[in-house]
Amino acid sequence: MNFTAPESLVFWTTLIFIVFFFLLKKFAWVPILAAVRGREESINKALLAAEEARQEIHNLQADNQRILQEARLERDAMIKEAREIKEKMIADAKAEAQAEGAKIIEQAKATINSEKNAAMAELKNQVSGLSLEIAEKILKSELSGKEAQSAMVEKMLDDVKLN
């Protein structure tokens, strides 16, 4: 075997490559493959954890939306109830005020009527007193003489006979 320089170089390069390949296979290939598999597993675990986290976030957002909707419904119900209570209070206050007003008006009418009746009675008493005084004065002036008294008695007797 007579090797020339380029052929011997190829031979030695191939021999060194084969030796290097067996050494790598025996000592480095298994740890490298184990490291690659470990890295692949950690990447898969990280992807799975990211997917679970995404799903959890989606579930939390759905829960938040549901809770927010329930809170809005409860707020609307409370506002509606407060409006109803307000309207009822206003209606009750109006009814009470109208009843109180009617009561005060009735009391005022009764007071006015009683004072009117008292004033009418007082007026009648004064008119009758004045009428008596006037009649007394008229009679005194008309009956001041004996002749006027006799004429009046005769006239009264004539009126009594006619009835």
N, C-alpha and C. Protein backbone atom coordinates (compact mmCIF):
# COMPACT_ATOMS: atom_id res chain seq x y z
N MET A 1 0.82 -1.16 0.00
CA MET A 1 0.00 0.00 0.00
C MET A 1 0.88 1.23 0.00
N ASN A 2 0.88 1.70 -0.98
CA ASN A 2 1.67 2.87 -1.20
C ASN A 2 0.70 4.07 -1.26
N PHE A 3 0.82 4.85 -0.27
CA PHE A 3 -0.11 5.99 -0.20
C PHE A 3 0.60 7.25 -0.58
N THR A 4 -0.09 8.02 -1.31
CA THR A 4 0.45 9.33 -1.63
C THR A 4 -0.07 10.30 -0.60
N ALA A 5 0.44 11.44 -0.61
CA ALA A 5 0.10 12.43 0.42
C ALA A 5 -1.38 12.75 0.48
N PRO A 6 -2.03 13.01 -0.61
CA PRO A 6 -3.46 13.30 -0.45
C PRO A 6 -4.23 12.06 -0.07
N GLU A 7 -3.83 10.94 -0.53
CA GLU A 7 -4.56 9.74 -0.16
C GLU A 7 -4.33 9.41 1.29
N SER A 8 -3.15 9.60 1.78
CA SER A 8 -2.89 9.31 3.17
C SER A 8 -3.63 10.29 4.07
N LEU A 9 -3.76 11.49 3.61
CA LEU A 9 -4.51 12.49 4.37
C LEU A 9 -5.97 12.09 4.47
N VAL A 10 -6.53 11.60 3.44
CA VAL A 10 -7.93 11.16 3.44
C VAL A 10 -8.04 9.96 4.37
N PHE A 11 -7.06 9.04 4.27
CA PHE A 11 -7.12 7.88 5.13
C PHE A 11 -7.07 8.27 6.58
N TRP A 12 -6.11 9.09 6.94
CA TRP A 12 -5.97 9.47 8.35
C TRP A 12 -7.15 10.34 8.81
N THR A 13 -7.67 11.14 7.99
CA THR A 13 -8.83 11.96 8.35
C THR A 13 -10.04 11.07 8.59
N THR A 14 -10.19 10.07 7.73
CA THR A 14 -11.33 9.16 7.89
C THR A 14 -11.15 8.33 9.14
N LEU A 15 -9.94 7.86 9.39
CA LEU A 15 -9.69 7.07 10.57
C LEU A 15 -9.91 7.89 11.84
N ILE A 16 -9.43 9.11 11.84
CA ILE A 16 -9.62 9.96 13.02
C ILE A 16 -11.10 10.28 13.19
N PHE A 17 -11.79 10.50 12.10
CA PHE A 17 -13.23 10.79 12.19
C PHE A 17 -13.98 9.61 12.77
N ILE A 18 -13.65 8.37 12.33
CA ILE A 18 -14.32 7.17 12.83
C ILE A 18 -14.02 6.98 14.30
N VAL A 19 -12.78 7.18 14.71
CA VAL A 19 -12.41 7.05 16.12
C VAL A 19 -13.14 8.11 16.93
N PHE A 20 -13.07 9.33 16.40
CA PHE A 20 -13.76 10.44 17.09
C PHE A 20 -15.26 10.17 17.20
N PHE A 21 -15.85 9.60 16.12
CA PHE A 21 -17.29 9.28 16.12
C PHE A 21 -17.61 8.25 17.18
N PHE A 22 -16.81 7.18 17.30
CA PHE A 22 -17.05 6.15 18.32
C PHE A 22 -16.86 6.71 19.72
N LEU A 23 -15.86 7.54 19.90
CA LEU A 23 -15.66 8.15 21.21
C LEU A 23 -16.85 9.07 21.58
N LEU A 24 -17.27 9.86 20.61
CA LEU A 24 -18.44 10.74 20.86
C LEU A 24 -19.67 9.90 21.16
N LYS A 25 -19.85 8.84 20.40
CA LYS A 25 -21.02 8.00 20.60
C LYS A 25 -20.99 7.37 21.97
N LYS A 26 -19.83 6.92 22.40
CA LYS A 26 -19.73 6.23 23.67
C LYS A 26 -19.82 7.20 24.83
N PHE A 27 -19.16 8.33 24.76
CA PHE A 27 -19.09 9.21 25.93
C PHE A 27 -19.98 10.46 25.84
N ALA A 28 -20.19 11.06 24.70
CA ALA A 28 -20.89 12.35 24.61
C ALA A 28 -22.30 12.24 24.03
N TRP A 29 -22.52 11.30 23.15
CA TRP A 29 -23.82 11.24 22.46
C TRP A 29 -24.95 11.02 23.44
N VAL A 30 -24.85 10.11 24.38
CA VAL A 30 -25.91 9.82 25.34
C VAL A 30 -26.21 11.04 26.21
N PRO A 31 -25.20 11.69 26.78
CA PRO A 31 -25.51 12.89 27.57
C PRO A 31 -26.10 14.03 26.73
N ILE A 32 -25.63 14.17 25.50
CA ILE A 32 -26.18 15.23 24.63
C ILE A 32 -27.64 14.93 24.33
N LEU A 33 -27.95 13.68 23.97
CA LEU A 33 -29.34 13.31 23.70
C LEU A 33 -30.20 13.45 24.95
N ALA A 34 -29.64 13.09 26.11
CA ALA A 34 -30.38 13.24 27.36
C ALA A 34 -30.66 14.72 27.63
N ALA A 35 -29.68 15.57 27.37
CA ALA A 35 -29.88 17.01 27.57
C ALA A 35 -30.92 17.55 26.60
N VAL A 36 -30.87 17.09 25.35
CA VAL A 36 -31.86 17.54 24.35
C VAL A 36 -33.25 17.06 24.75
N ARG A 37 -33.35 15.79 25.18
CA ARG A 37 -34.66 15.28 25.61
C ARG A 37 -35.16 16.04 26.84
N GLY A 38 -34.25 16.31 27.79
CA GLY A 38 -34.64 17.08 28.98
C GLY A 38 -35.12 18.47 28.61
N ARG A 39 -34.41 19.09 27.69
CA ARG A 39 -34.82 20.43 27.23
C ARG A 39 -36.17 20.36 26.54
N GLU A 40 -36.37 19.33 25.73
CA GLU A 40 -37.64 19.17 25.03
C GLU A 40 -38.78 18.96 26.03
N GLU A 41 -38.52 18.16 27.06
CA GLU A 41 -39.55 17.94 28.08
C GLU A 41 -39.86 19.22 28.84
N SER A 42 -38.81 19.99 29.18
CA SER A 42 -39.05 21.24 29.92
C SER A 42 -39.82 22.24 29.04
N ILE A 43 -39.52 22.26 27.75
CA ILE A 43 -40.27 23.14 26.84
C ILE A 43 -41.72 22.70 26.76
N ASN A 44 -41.95 21.36 26.65
CA ASN A 44 -43.33 20.86 26.61
C ASN A 44 -44.08 21.18 27.89
N LYS A 45 -43.37 21.03 29.04
CA LYS A 45 -44.01 21.36 30.33
C LYS A 45 -44.34 22.85 30.40
N ALA A 46 -43.43 23.67 29.92
CA ALA A 46 -43.67 25.12 29.94
C ALA A 46 -44.85 25.47 29.03
N LEU A 47 -44.93 24.82 27.87
CA LEU A 47 -46.07 25.07 26.97
C LEU A 47 -47.38 24.62 27.61
N LEU A 48 -47.34 23.46 28.28
CA LEU A 48 -48.54 22.97 28.96
C LEU A 48 -48.94 23.91 30.09
N ALA A 49 -47.96 24.38 30.87
CA ALA A 49 -48.25 25.32 31.95
C ALA A 49 -48.80 26.63 31.40
N ALA A 50 -48.26 27.09 30.27
CA ALA A 50 -48.76 28.33 29.65
C ALA A 50 -50.20 28.14 29.18
N GLU A 51 -50.50 26.97 28.62
CA GLU A 51 -51.87 26.69 28.18
C GLU A 51 -52.81 26.64 29.38
N GLU A 52 -52.38 26.01 30.46
CA GLU A 52 -53.21 25.95 31.67
C GLU A 52 -53.42 27.35 32.24
N ALA A 53 -52.36 28.16 32.23
CA ALA A 53 -52.48 29.53 32.74
C ALA A 53 -53.44 30.34 31.87
N ARG A 54 -53.34 30.16 30.55
CA ARG A 54 -54.26 30.86 29.63
C ARG A 54 -55.70 30.45 29.90
N GLN A 55 -55.91 29.15 30.11
CA GLN A 55 -57.27 28.65 30.40
C GLN A 55 -57.76 29.22 31.74
N GLU A 56 -56.88 29.26 32.73
CA GLU A 56 -57.24 29.80 34.05
C GLU A 56 -57.61 31.29 33.93
N ILE A 57 -56.83 32.03 33.15
CA ILE A 57 -57.14 33.45 32.94
C ILE A 57 -58.49 33.61 32.26
N HIS A 58 -58.74 32.76 31.27
CA HIS A 58 -60.03 32.80 30.57
C HIS A 58 -61.17 32.51 31.56
N ASN A 59 -60.99 31.50 32.42
CA ASN A 59 -62.02 31.18 33.42
C ASN A 59 -62.21 32.33 34.40
N LEU A 60 -61.12 32.96 34.83
CA LEU A 60 -61.22 34.10 35.76
C LEU A 60 -61.93 35.27 35.11
N GLN A 61 -61.64 35.51 33.83
CA GLN A 61 -62.33 36.60 33.13
C GLN A 61 -63.82 36.31 33.03
N ALA A 62 -64.18 35.06 32.75
CA ALA A 62 -65.59 34.70 32.68
C ALA A 62 -66.25 34.88 34.05
N ASP A 63 -65.55 34.46 35.12
CA ASP A 63 -66.08 34.65 36.47
C ASP A 63 -66.24 36.12 36.80
N ASN A 64 -65.24 36.92 36.41
CA ASN A 64 -65.33 38.36 36.66
C ASN A 64 -66.51 38.98 35.93
N GLN A 65 -66.73 38.57 34.68
CA GLN A 65 -67.86 39.09 33.92
C GLN A 65 -69.19 38.69 34.58
N ARG A 66 -69.27 37.45 35.04
CA ARG A 66 -70.49 36.98 35.70
C ARG A 66 -70.73 37.75 36.99
N ILE A 67 -69.68 37.92 37.79
CA ILE A 67 -69.82 38.66 39.05
C ILE A 67 -70.20 40.11 38.79
N LEU A 68 -69.59 40.71 37.77
CA LEU A 68 -69.91 42.09 37.41
C LEU A 68 -71.36 42.21 36.96
N GLN A 69 -71.83 41.26 36.18
CA GLN A 69 -73.23 41.28 35.72
C GLN A 69 -74.18 41.13 36.91
N GLU A 70 -73.85 40.23 37.83
CA GLU A 70 -74.69 40.05 39.03
C GLU A 70 -74.71 41.33 39.86
N ALA A 71 -73.57 41.98 39.99
CA ALA A 71 -73.50 43.23 40.75
C ALA A 71 -74.34 44.31 40.08
N ARG A 72 -74.30 44.38 38.76
CA ARG A 72 -75.12 45.37 38.04
C ARG A 72 -76.60 45.09 38.26
N LEU A 73 -76.98 43.82 38.17
CA LEU A 73 -78.39 43.47 38.37
C LEU A 73 -78.83 43.82 39.79
N GLU A 74 -77.98 43.52 40.76
CA GLU A 74 -78.31 43.83 42.16
C GLU A 74 -78.40 45.34 42.36
N ARG A 75 -77.47 46.09 41.75
CA ARG A 75 -77.52 47.56 41.84
C ARG A 75 -78.81 48.10 41.24
N ASP A 76 -79.19 47.57 40.05
CA ASP A 76 -80.43 48.02 39.41
C ASP A 76 -81.64 47.71 40.28
N ALA A 77 -81.65 46.54 40.90
CA ALA A 77 -82.76 46.16 41.77
C ALA A 77 -82.82 47.10 42.98
N MET A 78 -81.66 47.42 43.54
CA MET A 78 -81.64 48.31 44.70
C MET A 78 -82.11 49.71 44.32
N ILE A 79 -81.71 50.20 43.15
CA ILE A 79 -82.14 51.52 42.69
C ILE A 79 -83.65 51.52 42.46
N LYS A 80 -84.16 50.46 41.86
CA LYS A 80 -85.60 50.37 41.61
C LYS A 80 -86.36 50.35 42.93
N GLU A 81 -85.87 49.58 43.89
CA GLU A 81 -86.53 49.50 45.20
C GLU A 81 -86.48 50.86 45.90
N ALA A 82 -85.35 51.54 45.80
CA ALA A 82 -85.23 52.87 46.43
C ALA A 82 -86.19 53.86 45.79
N ARG A 83 -86.35 53.80 44.46
CA ARG A 83 -87.31 54.68 43.78
C ARG A 83 -88.73 54.39 44.23
N GLU A 84 -89.06 53.09 44.34
CA GLU A 84 -90.41 52.72 44.78
C GLU A 84 -90.67 53.23 46.20
N ILE A 85 -89.68 53.07 47.07
CA ILE A 85 -89.82 53.55 48.45
C ILE A 85 -89.99 55.06 48.47
N LYS A 86 -89.20 55.76 47.65
CA LYS A 86 -89.30 57.23 47.57
C LYS A 86 -90.68 57.65 47.10
N GLU A 87 -91.17 57.01 46.04
CA GLU A 87 -92.49 57.35 45.50
C GLU A 87 -93.58 57.06 46.53
N LYS A 88 -93.46 55.95 47.26
CA LYS A 88 -94.45 55.62 48.28
C LYS A 88 -94.42 56.66 49.40
N MET A 89 -93.20 57.06 49.81
CA MET A 89 -93.08 58.05 50.87
C MET A 89 -93.70 59.38 50.43
N ILE A 90 -93.46 59.77 49.18
CA ILE A 90 -94.02 61.02 48.66
C ILE A 90 -95.54 60.93 48.62
N ALA A 91 -96.05 59.79 48.14
CA ALA A 91 -97.51 59.61 48.06
C ALA A 91 -98.12 59.63 49.46
N ASP A 92 -97.47 58.95 50.41
CA ASP A 92 -97.97 58.95 51.79
C ASP A 92 -97.96 60.35 52.39
N ALA A 93 -96.88 61.09 52.12
CA ALA A 93 -96.78 62.45 52.66
C ALA A 93 -97.85 63.35 52.05
N LYS A 94 -98.10 63.19 50.74
CA LYS A 94 -99.14 63.99 50.09
C LYS A 94 -100.51 63.66 50.67
N ALA A 95 -100.79 62.37 50.84
CA ALA A 95 -102.09 61.95 51.38
C ALA A 95 -102.25 62.47 52.80
N GLU A 96 -101.19 62.38 53.59
CA GLU A 96 -101.25 62.86 54.97
C GLU A 96 -101.44 64.37 55.00
N ALA A 97 -100.74 65.08 54.11
CA ALA A 97 -100.88 66.54 54.05
C ALA A 97 -102.29 66.93 53.62
N GLN A 98 -102.85 66.21 52.65
CA GLN A 98 -104.21 66.51 52.20
C GLN A 98 -105.21 66.23 53.32
N ALA A 99 -105.04 65.13 54.03
CA ALA A 99 -105.94 64.81 55.14
C ALA A 99 -105.83 65.87 56.23
N GLU A 100 -104.60 66.27 56.53
CA GLU A 100 -104.39 67.30 57.57
C GLU A 100 -104.98 68.63 57.11
N GLY A 101 -104.80 68.95 55.83
CA GLY A 101 -105.38 70.19 55.28
C GLY A 101 -106.89 70.17 55.35
N ALA A 102 -107.49 69.04 54.98
CA ALA A 102 -108.96 68.92 55.04
C ALA A 102 -109.45 69.05 56.48
N LYS A 103 -108.70 68.46 57.41
CA LYS A 103 -109.07 68.54 58.82
C LYS A 103 -109.00 69.99 59.30
N ILE A 104 -107.93 70.70 58.93
CA ILE A 104 -107.79 72.10 59.34
C ILE A 104 -108.89 72.95 58.72
N ILE A 105 -109.22 72.69 57.45
CA ILE A 105 -110.31 73.43 56.79
C ILE A 105 -111.63 73.19 57.50
N GLU A 106 -111.91 71.94 57.85
CA GLU A 106 -113.16 71.63 58.56
C GLU A 106 -113.21 72.32 59.92
N GLN A 107 -112.07 72.30 60.63
CA GLN A 107 -112.02 72.99 61.92
C GLN A 107 -112.23 74.48 61.75
N ALA A 108 -111.63 75.06 60.69
CA ALA A 108 -111.80 76.49 60.43
C ALA A 108 -113.24 76.80 60.09
N LYS A 109 -113.89 75.95 59.28
CA LYS A 109 -115.31 76.16 58.94
C LYS A 109 -116.17 76.08 60.19
N ALA A 110 -115.88 75.10 61.04
CA ALA A 110 -116.67 74.96 62.28
C ALA A 110 -116.47 76.18 63.16
N THR A 111 -115.23 76.66 63.26
CA THR A 111 -114.95 77.84 64.08
C THR A 111 -115.65 79.06 63.50
N ILE A 112 -115.57 79.20 62.16
CA ILE A 112 -116.24 80.34 61.51
C ILE A 112 -117.74 80.28 61.75
N ASN A 113 -118.35 79.09 61.60
CA ASN A 113 -119.80 78.96 61.81
C ASN A 113 -120.18 79.28 63.25
N SER A 114 -119.39 78.78 64.21
CA SER A 114 -119.74 79.05 65.61
C SER A 114 -119.57 80.54 65.93
N GLU A 115 -118.52 81.17 65.39
CA GLU A 115 -118.34 82.59 65.62
C GLU A 115 -119.42 83.40 64.90
N LYS A 116 -119.80 82.93 63.71
CA LYS A 116 -120.89 83.60 62.96
C LYS A 116 -122.18 83.52 63.74
N ASN A 117 -122.47 82.32 64.27
CA ASN A 117 -123.71 82.16 65.06
C ASN A 117 -123.67 83.02 66.32
N ALA A 118 -122.49 83.07 66.95
CA ALA A 118 -122.37 83.91 68.15
C ALA A 118 -122.54 85.38 67.78
N ALA A 119 -121.97 85.80 66.66
CA ALA A 119 -122.12 87.19 66.21
C ALA A 119 -123.56 87.49 65.86
N MET A 120 -124.25 86.54 65.20
CA MET A 120 -125.67 86.73 64.85
C MET A 120 -126.52 86.86 66.11
N ALA A 121 -126.22 86.00 67.09
CA ALA A 121 -126.99 86.07 68.34
C ALA A 121 -126.73 87.40 69.03
N GLU A 122 -125.49 87.84 69.04
CA GLU A 122 -125.15 89.13 69.66
C GLU A 122 -125.84 90.26 68.91
N LEU A 123 -125.82 90.17 67.56
CA LEU A 123 -126.47 91.19 66.74
C LEU A 123 -127.96 91.23 67.00
N LYS A 124 -128.60 90.04 67.10
CA LYS A 124 -130.04 89.97 67.38
C LYS A 124 -130.34 90.59 68.75
N ASN A 125 -129.48 90.28 69.71
CA ASN A 125 -129.69 90.85 71.05
C ASN A 125 -129.58 92.38 71.00
N GLN A 126 -128.58 92.86 70.29
CA GLN A 126 -128.42 94.31 70.20
C GLN A 126 -129.58 94.95 69.44
N VAL A 127 -130.00 94.29 68.30
CA VAL A 127 -131.13 94.84 67.52
C VAL A 127 -132.39 94.84 68.36
N SER A 128 -132.64 93.75 69.08
CA SER A 128 -133.85 93.70 69.89
C SER A 128 -133.80 94.74 71.02
N GLY A 129 -132.62 94.92 71.60
CA GLY A 129 -132.46 95.93 72.65
C GLY A 129 -132.71 97.32 72.09
N LEU A 130 -132.09 97.57 70.90
CA LEU A 130 -132.29 98.87 70.27
C LEU A 130 -133.75 99.07 69.87
N SER A 131 -134.38 98.00 69.35
CA SER A 131 -135.79 98.09 68.94
C SER A 131 -136.66 98.44 70.14
N LEU A 132 -136.38 97.81 71.26
CA LEU A 132 -137.16 98.10 72.47
C LEU A 132 -136.96 99.55 72.93
N GLU A 133 -135.71 99.98 72.88
CA GLU A 133 -135.44 101.36 73.27
C GLU A 133 -136.15 102.34 72.35
N ILE A 134 -136.07 102.04 71.02
CA ILE A 134 -136.73 102.92 70.04
C ILE A 134 -138.24 102.89 70.26
N ALA A 135 -138.79 101.71 70.43
CA ALA A 135 -140.25 101.60 70.63
C ALA A 135 -140.65 102.34 71.90
N GLU A 136 -139.83 102.18 72.93
CA GLU A 136 -140.13 102.85 74.20
C GLU A 136 -140.13 104.36 74.01
N LYS A 137 -139.12 104.85 73.30
CA LYS A 137 -139.03 106.29 73.08
C LYS A 137 -140.19 106.77 72.22
N ILE A 138 -140.53 105.98 71.16
CA ILE A 138 -141.66 106.39 70.30
C ILE A 138 -142.95 106.39 71.10
N LEU A 139 -143.17 105.37 71.89
CA LEU A 139 -144.40 105.30 72.69
C LEU A 139 -144.46 106.44 73.71
N LYS A 140 -143.34 106.72 74.32
CA LYS A 140 -143.31 107.81 75.29
C LYS A 140 -143.65 109.12 74.61
N SER A 141 -143.09 109.32 73.40
CA SER A 141 -143.37 110.58 72.74
C SER A 141 -144.80 110.63 72.22
N GLU A 142 -145.36 109.53 71.73
CA GLU A 142 -146.72 109.51 71.20
C GLU A 142 -147.75 109.49 72.32
N LEU A 143 -147.42 108.88 73.39
CA LEU A 143 -148.40 108.76 74.47
C LEU A 143 -148.10 109.73 75.61
N SER A 144 -147.50 110.80 75.30
CA SER A 144 -147.16 111.77 76.33
C SER A 144 -148.41 112.50 76.84
N GLY A 145 -149.42 112.55 76.03
CA GLY A 145 -150.63 113.22 76.48
C GLY A 145 -151.75 112.22 76.71
N LYS A 146 -152.81 112.65 77.54
CA LYS A 146 -153.93 111.80 77.90
C LYS A 146 -154.75 111.48 76.68
N GLU A 147 -154.94 112.38 75.78
CA GLU A 147 -155.74 112.16 74.59
C GLU A 147 -155.06 111.13 73.69
N ALA A 148 -153.76 111.21 73.52
CA ALA A 148 -153.05 110.27 72.68
C ALA A 148 -153.15 108.87 73.26
N GLN A 149 -153.14 108.72 74.58
CA GLN A 149 -153.24 107.41 75.23
C GLN A 149 -154.63 106.83 74.98
N SER A 150 -155.66 107.64 75.09
CA SER A 150 -157.02 107.16 74.88
C SER A 150 -157.20 106.74 73.44
N ALA A 151 -156.69 107.47 72.49
CA ALA A 151 -156.83 107.15 71.07
C ALA A 151 -156.12 105.83 70.77
N MET A 152 -155.04 105.63 71.36
CA MET A 152 -154.29 104.40 71.13
C MET A 152 -155.02 103.21 71.71
N VAL A 153 -155.60 103.35 72.89
CA VAL A 153 -156.34 102.25 73.52
C VAL A 153 -157.54 101.91 72.66
N GLU A 154 -158.25 102.88 72.17
CA GLU A 154 -159.41 102.62 71.33
C GLU A 154 -158.99 101.93 70.04
N LYS A 155 -157.92 102.38 69.44
CA LYS A 155 -157.44 101.76 68.22
C LYS A 155 -157.09 100.31 68.47
N MET A 156 -156.45 100.00 69.56
CA MET A 156 -156.09 98.61 69.88
C MET A 156 -157.32 97.77 70.11
N LEU A 157 -158.29 98.32 70.73
CA LEU A 157 -159.54 97.60 70.98
C LEU A 157 -160.23 97.31 69.66
N ASP A 158 -160.22 98.26 68.74
CA ASP A 158 -160.84 98.06 67.43
C ASP A 158 -160.11 96.93 66.69
N ASP A 159 -158.79 96.91 66.77
CA ASP A 159 -158.01 95.85 66.10
C ASP A 159 -158.30 94.49 66.71
N VAL A 160 -158.55 94.44 68.02
CA VAL A 160 -158.82 93.17 68.68
C VAL A 160 -160.21 92.66 68.27
N LYS A 161 -161.19 93.55 68.13
CA LYS A 161 -162.54 93.15 67.75
C LYS A 161 -162.55 92.63 66.32
N LEU A 162 -161.72 93.18 65.45
CA LEU A 162 -161.71 92.76 64.07
C LEU A 162 -161.09 91.37 63.90
N ASN A 163 -160.21 91.03 64.69
CA ASN A 163 -159.55 89.73 64.54
C ASN A 163 -160.45 88.72 65.11
